[in-house]
C-alpha atoms as a PDB file:
ATOM      1  CA  MET A   1      -1.706   8.695   2.058  1.00  0.00           C
ATOM      2  CA  LEU A   2      -1.227  12.416   1.552  1.00  0.00           C
ATOM      3  CA  VAL A   3       1.423  14.734   2.893  1.00  0.00           C
ATOM      4  CA  LYS A   4       0.763  18.464   3.347  1.00  0.00           C
ATOM      5  CA  SER A   5       3.768  20.724   3.754  1.00  0.00           C
ATOM      6  CA  ASN A   6       4.339  24.411   4.300  1.00  0.00           C
ATOM      7  CA  VAL A   7       6.572  26.703   2.241  1.00  0.00           C
ATOM      8  CA  SER A   8       9.834  26.342   4.122  1.00  0.00           C
ATOM      9  CA  SER A   9       9.788  22.928   5.763  1.00  0.00           C
ATOM     10  CA  LEU A  10       7.905  19.679   5.790  1.00  0.00           C
ATOM     11  CA  GLU A  11       5.402  19.284   8.595  1.00  0.00           C
ATOM     12  CA  VAL A  12       3.205  16.262   9.182  1.00  0.00           C
ATOM     13  CA  ASN A  13       0.534  15.888  11.824  1.00  0.00           C
ATOM     14  CA  ASP A  14      -2.841  14.211  12.231  1.00  0.00           C
ATOM     15  CA  SER A  15      -4.694  17.038  10.481  1.00  0.00           C
ATOM     16  CA  GLU A  16      -2.435  16.926   7.430  1.00  0.00           C
ATOM     17  CA  ILE A  17      -2.478  13.226   6.617  1.00  0.00           C
ATOM     18  CA  SER A  18      -5.563  11.771   5.000  1.00  0.00           C
ATOM     19  CA  GLY A  19      -6.811   8.843   3.014  1.00  0.00           C
ATOM     20  CA  GLN A  20     -10.171   7.206   2.441  1.00  0.00           C
ATOM     21  CA  SER A  21     -10.764   6.747   6.137  1.00  0.00           C
ATOM     22  CA  SER A  22     -10.418   8.962   9.193  1.00  0.00           C
ATOM     23  CA  VAL A  23      -7.080  10.743   9.590  1.00  0.00           C
ATOM     24  CA  ASN A  24      -6.995   9.357  13.126  1.00  0.00           C
ATOM     25  CA  ASP A  25      -7.243   5.744  11.923  1.00  0.00           C
ATOM     26  CA  THR A  26      -4.697   3.798  13.958  1.00  0.00           C
ATOM     27  CA  ASP A  27      -4.197   1.338  11.089  1.00  0.00           C
ATOM     28  CA  LEU A  28      -2.637   4.139   9.043  1.00  0.00           C
ATOM     29  CA  PHE A  29      -0.208   5.281  11.712  1.00  0.00           C
ATOM     30  CA  HIS A  30       0.591   1.684  12.684  1.00  0.00           C
ATOM     31  CA  ARG A  31       2.523   1.408   9.394  1.00  0.00           C
ATOM     32  CA  LEU A  32       3.806   4.984   9.306  1.00  0.00           C
ATOM     33  CA  LYS A  33       7.582   5.224   9.704  1.00  0.00           C
ATOM     34  CA  TRP A  34       9.560   8.442   9.802  1.00  0.00           C
ATOM     35  CA  THR A  35      13.235   9.202  10.184  1.00  0.00           C
ATOM     36  CA  PHE A  36      14.425  12.776  10.603  1.00  0.00           C
ATOM     37  CA  VAL A  37      17.352  13.872   8.437  1.00  0.00           C
ATOM     38  CA  GLU A  38      18.664  17.420   8.947  1.00  0.00           C
ATOM     39  CA  GLY A  39      15.250  18.723   9.959  1.00  0.00           C
ATOM     40  CA  LEU A  40      13.382  17.095   7.064  1.00  0.00           C
ATOM     41  CA  ILE A  41      11.147  14.067   7.261  1.00  0.00           C
ATOM     42  CA  TYR A  42      12.665  11.078   5.497  1.00  0.00           C
ATOM     43  CA  LEU A  43       9.889   8.986   3.971  1.00  0.00           C
ATOM     44  CA  LEU A  44       9.871   5.188   4.100  1.00  0.00           C
ATOM     45  CA  PHE A  45       7.596   3.072   1.940  1.00  0.00           C
ATOM     46  CA  ALA A  46       5.612   0.897   4.339  1.00  0.00           C
ATOM     47  CA  MET A  47       3.125   3.629   5.069  1.00  0.00           C
ATOM     48  CA  VAL A  48       0.554   3.808   2.308  1.00  0.00           C
ATOM     49  CA  LYS A  49      -2.879   2.682   3.372  1.00  0.00           C
ATOM     50  CA  SER A  50      -5.430   3.618   0.745  1.00  0.00           C
ATOM     51  CA  VAL A  51      -6.188   5.540  -2.434  1.00  0.00           C
ATOM     52  CA  VAL A  52      -5.800   9.274  -1.969  1.00  0.00           C
ATOM     53  CA  ASP A  53      -8.408  11.835  -2.956  1.00  0.00           C
ATOM     54  CA  ILE A  54      -6.797  12.974  -6.201  1.00  0.00           C
ATOM     55  CA  GLN A  55      -8.966  16.072  -6.253  1.00  0.00           C
ATOM     56  CA  LEU A  56      -7.159  17.397  -3.171  1.00  0.00           C
ATOM     57  CA  LEU A  57      -3.889  17.286  -5.096  1.00  0.00           C
ATOM     58  CA  ALA A  58      -5.399  18.775  -8.248  1.00  0.00           C
ATOM     59  CA  GLY A  59      -7.010  21.534  -6.184  1.00  0.00           C
ATOM     60  CA  ASP A  60      -3.785  22.536  -4.358  1.00  0.00           C
ATOM     61  CA  LYS A  61      -5.183  21.337  -1.033  1.00  0.00           C
ATOM     62  CA  LEU A  62      -2.348  18.860  -0.587  1.00  0.00           C
ATOM     63  CA  ASP A  63       1.109  18.562  -2.084  1.00  0.00           C
ATOM     64  CA  LEU A  64       2.179  14.948  -2.299  1.00  0.00           C
ATOM     65  CA  GLY A  65       0.371  11.624  -2.453  1.00  0.00           C
ATOM     66  CA  PHE A  66       1.435   7.974  -2.523  1.00  0.00           C
ATOM     67  CA  VAL A  67      -1.013   5.797  -4.428  1.00  0.00           C
ATOM     68  CA  ARG A  68      -1.584   2.454  -6.117  1.00  0.00           C
ATOM     69  CA  LEU A  69      -3.274   3.761  -9.267  1.00  0.00           C
ATOM     70  CA  ALA A  70      -2.603   3.206 -12.967  1.00  0.00           C
ATOM     71  CA  ARG A  71      -3.654   6.685 -14.123  1.00  0.00           C
ATOM     72  CA  VAL A  72      -4.121  10.171 -12.716  1.00  0.00           C
ATOM     73  CA  PRO A  73      -5.423  13.428 -14.296  1.00  0.00           C
ATOM     74  CA  GLU A  74      -3.114  15.175 -16.774  1.00  0.00           C
ATOM     75  CA  SER A  75      -2.602  18.015 -14.303  1.00  0.00           C
ATOM     76  CA  LEU A  76      -0.631  15.685 -12.019  1.00  0.00           C
ATOM     77  CA  GLU A  77       2.823  14.131 -12.199  1.00  0.00           C
ATOM     78  CA  MET A  78       3.081  10.423 -11.382  1.00  0.00           C
ATOM     79  CA  LYS A  79       6.304   8.478 -10.788  1.00  0.00           C
ATOM     80  CA  MET A  80       6.868   4.950  -9.486  1.00  0.00           C
ATOM     81  CA  VAL A  81       8.908   4.920  -6.296  1.00  0.00           C
ATOM     82  CA  HIS A  82       8.607   1.309  -5.195  1.00  0.00           C
ATOM     83  CA  GLN A  83       7.709  -2.119  -6.554  1.00  0.00           C
ATOM     84  CA  ASP A  84       6.654  -4.877  -4.198  1.00  0.00           C
ATOM     85  CA  THR A  85       5.818  -8.577  -4.394  1.00  0.00           C
ATOM     86  CA  PHE A  86       2.550 -10.055  -3.159  1.00  0.00           C
ATOM     87  CA  SER A  87       2.239 -12.455  -0.236  1.00  0.00           C
ATOM     88  CA  VAL A  88      -0.422 -14.916   0.850  1.00  0.00           C
ATOM     89  CA  VAL A  89      -1.650 -14.384   4.417  1.00  0.00           C
ATOM     90  CA  LEU A  90      -2.737 -17.485   6.355  1.00  0.00           C
ATOM     91  CA  PRO A  91      -3.683 -18.181   9.966  1.00  0.00           C
ATOM     92  CA  THR A  92      -0.606 -19.319  11.886  1.00  0.00           C
ATOM     93  CA  GLU A  93      -2.149 -22.738  12.443  1.00  0.00           C
ATOM     94  CA  HIS A  94      -3.033 -23.274   8.767  1.00  0.00           C
ATOM     95  CA  SER A  95      -1.867 -26.709   7.597  1.00  0.00           C
ATOM     96  CA  LEU A  96      -0.054 -25.338   4.539  1.00  0.00           C
ATOM     97  CA  SER A  97       3.536 -24.403   5.362  1.00  0.00           C
ATOM     98  CA  GLU A  98       5.894 -22.235   3.354  1.00  0.00           C
ATOM     99  CA  HIS A  99       7.958 -25.335   2.532  1.00  0.00           C
ATOM    100  CA  GLU A 100       4.880 -27.122   1.132  1.00  0.00           C
ATOM    101  CA  PHE A 101       3.526 -24.119  -0.772  1.00  0.00           C
ATOM    102  CA  ASN A 102       4.019 -24.253  -4.538  1.00  0.00           C
ATOM    103  CA  HIS A 103       1.351 -21.972  -5.999  1.00  0.00           C
ATOM    104  CA  ILE A 104      -1.866 -20.146  -5.150  1.00  0.00           C
ATOM    105  CA  GLY A 105      -3.980 -22.917  -6.706  1.00  0.00           C
ATOM    106  CA  GLN A 106      -3.421 -24.943  -3.544  1.00  0.00           C
ATOM    107  CA  LEU A 107      -5.789 -22.493  -1.817  1.00  0.00           C
ATOM    108  CA  LYS A 108      -8.592 -22.505  -4.393  1.00  0.00           C
ATOM    109  CA  GLU A 109     -11.071 -24.047  -1.933  1.00  0.00           C
ATOM    110  CA  GLU A 110     -10.441 -21.335   0.680  1.00  0.00           C
ATOM    111  CA  ASN A 111     -12.496 -18.210   1.327  1.00  0.00           C
ATOM    112  CA  PHE A 112     -10.595 -15.070   0.309  1.00  0.00           C
ATOM    113  CA  ILE A 113     -10.475 -11.734   2.110  1.00  0.00           C
ATOM    114  CA  LEU A 114      -9.319  -8.958  -0.204  1.00  0.00           C
ATOM    115  CA  PHE A 115      -8.803  -5.243  -0.354  1.00  0.00           C
ATOM    116  CA  SER A 116     -11.870  -3.582  -1.841  1.00  0.00           C
ATOM    117  CA  GLN A 117     -11.815  -2.144  -5.366  1.00  0.00           C
ATOM    118  CA  ASP A 118     -12.124   1.222  -3.568  1.00  0.00           C
ATOM    119  CA  TYR A 119      -8.535   0.733  -2.389  1.00  0.00           C
ATOM    120  CA  SER A 120      -7.330   0.405  -5.998  1.00  0.00           C
ATOM    121  CA  SER A 121      -9.134  -1.181  -8.927  1.00  0.00           C
ATOM    122  CA  ILE A 122      -5.885  -2.120 -10.703  1.00  0.00           C
ATOM    123  CA  TYR A 123      -4.551  -3.685  -7.498  1.00  0.00           C
ATOM    124  CA  TYR A 124      -7.769  -5.702  -7.114  1.00  0.00           C
ATOM    125  CA  ASP A 125      -7.550  -6.856 -10.739  1.00  0.00           C
ATOM    126  CA  LYS A 126      -3.963  -8.035 -10.219  1.00  0.00           C
ATOM    127  CA  ILE A 127      -4.990 -10.189  -7.283  1.00  0.00           C
ATOM    128  CA  MET A 128      -7.795 -11.689  -9.352  1.00  0.00           C
ATOM    129  CA  SER A 129      -5.329 -12.432 -12.148  1.00  0.00           C
ATOM    130  CA  ILE A 130      -2.976 -14.226  -9.717  1.00  0.00           C
ATOM    131  CA  CYS A 131      -5.762 -16.697  -9.023  1.00  0.00           C
ATOM    132  CA  GLU A 132      -7.005 -16.876 -12.609  1.00  0.00           C
ATOM    133  CA  ASP A 133      -3.507 -17.798 -13.798  1.00  0.00           C
ATOM    134  CA  LYS A 134      -3.930 -20.987 -11.756  1.00  0.00           C
ATOM    135  CA  GLY A 135      -7.367 -21.735 -13.184  1.00  0.00           C
ATOM    136  CA  PHE A 136      -9.766 -20.516 -10.523  1.00  0.00           C
ATOM    137  CA  SER A 137     -11.716 -17.470  -9.394  1.00  0.00           C
ATOM    138  CA  PRO A 138     -11.370 -16.778  -5.674  1.00  0.00           C
ATOM    139  CA  ARG A 139     -14.455 -17.099  -3.487  1.00  0.00           C
ATOM    140  CA  ILE A 140     -14.434 -13.644  -1.901  1.00  0.00           C
ATOM    141  CA  THR A 141     -16.306 -13.505   1.398  1.00  0.00           C
ATOM    142  CA  HIS A 142     -15.001 -10.225   2.857  1.00  0.00           C
ATOM    143  CA  LYS A 143     -13.506  -6.983   1.552  1.00  0.00           C
ATOM    144  CA  SER A 144     -11.908  -4.063   3.360  1.00  0.00           C
ATOM    145  CA  VAL A 145      -9.710  -1.021   2.711  1.00  0.00           C
ATOM    146  CA  HIS A 146      -7.881  -1.666   6.012  1.00  0.00           C
ATOM    147  CA  ALA A 147      -4.958  -4.097   6.214  1.00  0.00           C
ATOM    148  CA  LEU A 148      -5.470  -4.587   9.944  1.00  0.00           C
ATOM    149  CA  THR A 149      -9.101  -5.615   9.391  1.00  0.00           C
ATOM    150  CA  ILE A 150      -8.017  -8.127   6.751  1.00  0.00           C
ATOM    151  CA  PHE A 151      -5.341  -9.587   9.010  1.00  0.00           C
ATOM    152  CA  LYS A 152      -7.769  -9.861  11.928  1.00  0.00           C
ATOM    153  CA  LEU A 153     -10.268 -11.750   9.760  1.00  0.00           C
ATOM    154  CA  VAL A 154      -7.518 -14.114   8.605  1.00  0.00           C
ATOM    155  CA  GLU A 155      -6.392 -14.585  12.208  1.00  0.00           C
ATOM    156  CA  ALA A 156      -9.966 -15.515  13.121  1.00  0.00           C
ATOM    157  CA  GLY A 157      -9.954 -18.271  10.499  1.00  0.00           C
ATOM    158  CA  LEU A 158     -12.496 -16.625   8.195  1.00  0.00           C
ATOM    159  CA  GLY A 159     -10.335 -16.889   5.097  1.00  0.00           C
ATOM    160  CA  VAL A 160      -6.974 -16.192   3.510  1.00  0.00           C
ATOM    161  CA  ALA A 161      -5.684 -13.018   1.868  1.00  0.00           C
ATOM    162  CA  ILE A 162      -3.232 -11.704  -0.711  1.00  0.00           C
ATOM    163  CA  VAL A 163      -1.509  -8.424   0.140  1.00  0.00           C
ATOM    164  CA  PRO A 164       1.662  -6.483  -0.742  1.00  0.00           C
ATOM    165  CA  THR A 165       4.561  -8.134   1.076  1.00  0.00           C
ATOM    166  CA  SER A 166       5.642  -4.898   2.763  1.00  0.00           C
ATOM    167  CA  LEU A 167       2.372  -4.760   4.725  1.00  0.00           C
ATOM    168  CA  LYS A 168       3.526  -7.569   7.000  1.00  0.00           C
ATOM    169  CA  GLN A 169       5.736  -5.098   8.852  1.00  0.00           C
ATOM    170  CA  GLY A 170       4.440  -3.641  12.104  1.00  0.00           C
ATOM    171  CA  TYR A 171       1.815  -6.223  13.075  1.00  0.00           C
ATOM    172  CA  ASP A 172       1.876  -8.798  15.857  1.00  0.00           C
ATOM    173  CA  LEU A 173      -0.949 -11.165  14.966  1.00  0.00           C
ATOM    174  CA  MET A 174      -1.394 -14.911  14.677  1.00  0.00           C
ATOM    175  CA  VAL A 175      -0.954 -14.947  10.898  1.00  0.00           C
ATOM    176  CA  LYS A 176       1.866 -16.055   8.599  1.00  0.00           C
ATOM    177  CA  PHE A 177       3.009 -14.709   5.237  1.00  0.00           C
ATOM    178  CA  ILE A 178       4.187 -16.682   2.212  1.00  0.00           C
ATOM    179  CA  GLU A 179       5.787 -14.489  -0.428  1.00  0.00           C
ATOM    180  CA  LEU A 180       4.693 -15.027  -4.034  1.00  0.00           C
ATOM    181  CA  ASP A 181       8.089 -14.154  -5.448  1.00  0.00           C
ATOM    182  CA  LYS A 182       7.877 -16.443  -8.491  1.00  0.00           C
ATOM    183  CA  ILE A 183       4.829 -14.872 -10.154  1.00  0.00           C
ATOM    184  CA  LYS A 184       4.761 -12.074 -12.735  1.00  0.00           C
ATOM    185  CA  GLN A 185       2.347  -9.848 -10.833  1.00  0.00           C
ATOM    186  CA  LYS A 186       3.880  -7.076  -8.729  1.00  0.00           C
ATOM    187  CA  THR A 187       2.329  -4.100  -6.996  1.00  0.00           C
ATOM    188  CA  GLU A 188       3.642  -0.591  -7.614  1.00  0.00           C
ATOM    189  CA  LEU A 189       3.652   2.455  -5.385  1.00  0.00           C
ATOM    190  CA  TYR A 190       3.577   5.869  -7.069  1.00  0.00           C
ATOM    191  CA  ALA A 191       4.360   9.368  -5.867  1.00  0.00           C
ATOM    192  CA  VAL A 192       1.825  11.890  -7.219  1.00  0.00           C
ATOM    193  CA  TRP A 193       2.001  15.681  -7.152  1.00  0.00           C
ATOM    194  CA  LYS A 194       0.594  18.586  -9.151  1.00  0.00           C
ATOM    195  CA  LYS A 195       2.577  19.840 -12.128  1.00  0.00           C
ATOM    196  CA  GLY A 196       4.096  23.240 -11.451  1.00  0.00           C
ATOM    197  CA  ASN A 197       3.843  22.968  -7.660  1.00  0.00           C
ATOM    198  CA  LYS A 198       6.336  25.555  -6.352  1.00  0.00           C
ATOM    199  CA  ASN A 199       6.358  24.430  -2.736  1.00  0.00           C
ATOM    200  CA  ALA A 200      10.000  24.371  -1.620  1.00  0.00           C
ATOM    201  CA  ALA A 201       9.360  21.522   0.818  1.00  0.00           C
ATOM    202  CA  LEU A 202       7.863  19.370  -1.940  1.00  0.00           C
ATOM    203  CA  GLY A 203      11.015  19.781  -3.994  1.00  0.00           C
ATOM    204  CA  LYS A 204      13.149  18.743  -1.031  1.00  0.00           C
ATOM    205  CA  VAL A 205      11.050  15.623  -0.393  1.00  0.00           C
ATOM    206  CA  LEU A 206      11.155  14.627  -4.054  1.00  0.00           C
ATOM    207  CA  GLY A 207      14.923  15.097  -3.858  1.00  0.00           C
ATOM    208  CA  LEU A 208      15.021  12.475  -1.099  1.00  0.00           C
ATOM    209  CA  ILE A 209      12.960  10.031  -3.119  1.00  0.00           C
ATOM    210  CA  LYS A 210      14.778   8.204  -5.873  1.00  0.00           C
ATOM    211  CA  ILE A 211      12.176   7.748  -8.598  1.00  0.00           C
ATOM    212  CA  ASN A 212      13.170   4.264  -9.690  1.00  0.00           C
ATOM    213  CA  GLY A 213      12.300   2.039  -6.786  1.00  0.00           C
ATOM    214  CA  ASP A 214      14.437   3.137  -3.855  1.00  0.00           C
ATOM    215  CA  ILE A 215      15.191   6.140  -1.636  1.00  0.00           C
ATOM    216  CA  ASN A 216      18.246   8.331  -1.839  1.00  0.00           C
ATOM    217  CA  ARG A 217      20.345   8.223   1.320  1.00  0.00           C
ATOM    218  CA  TYR A 218      22.522  11.284   1.806  1.00  0.00           C
END
C-alpha cells in the first residue's frame, strides 16, 4: 500500500492509495483502519495488501510505502515496523481443531491456496519453508494476491492457506485460523520512503511510527 501526502498535512483518498490491483479494490479498504490524531492520520498495521510499485517511490510519485520485501533500491530507506506470526486458515467445518493441531505436517495431504510470488517472493519462500521443515512440499492448487479471494476459496473447501495472522481481522467468513506461534518463521512489514524526502507530512507520519515493531502513541 502507498500513501501520498501533500506538503502541510497528510491526505489519503482513493486516488492516492495504490498497490498491484485497482485502487478501488474493496479488499484493500476492507482491512484499512485509520484513527485521526490532532488532524493527522494515525496508521495501523492491518492494512497492507500487496507489494507496492517501488518505482513510484523512487520517482517521487508517492511518499511512503508499506511492503513485505527483503530489499529495495539504494535510493530508498527501509525500516521494519511490524513483525507478525503466520496462521493456518481452514474451513470452519474442517475436522482438525486448534486443540488437535500440533504442526503443519498434519495438513500435508491438503490442497494449498497461497499468495502469489507477485505479492512477495520472500514471503512465498517463507511459507514454502514452513512446510519443508515438516518434510513435505505443499500441493498448490490456487494462488492470488488478494486475501479475500484466498479466504473465499478456503471457505468453499478448495484448500487450506497460510497467511499473516493479522489478516484475520475484518472478515466475516466461514473459516477458522490456527496461529503458528511455535515456528521460527515470521513475516515482517517494512516502511519504505525515498532518502532525502523533504515532505513535512512524511516526517510527521514517520514520527508516529515507532521503527521497532510498534506505533508511538502520544
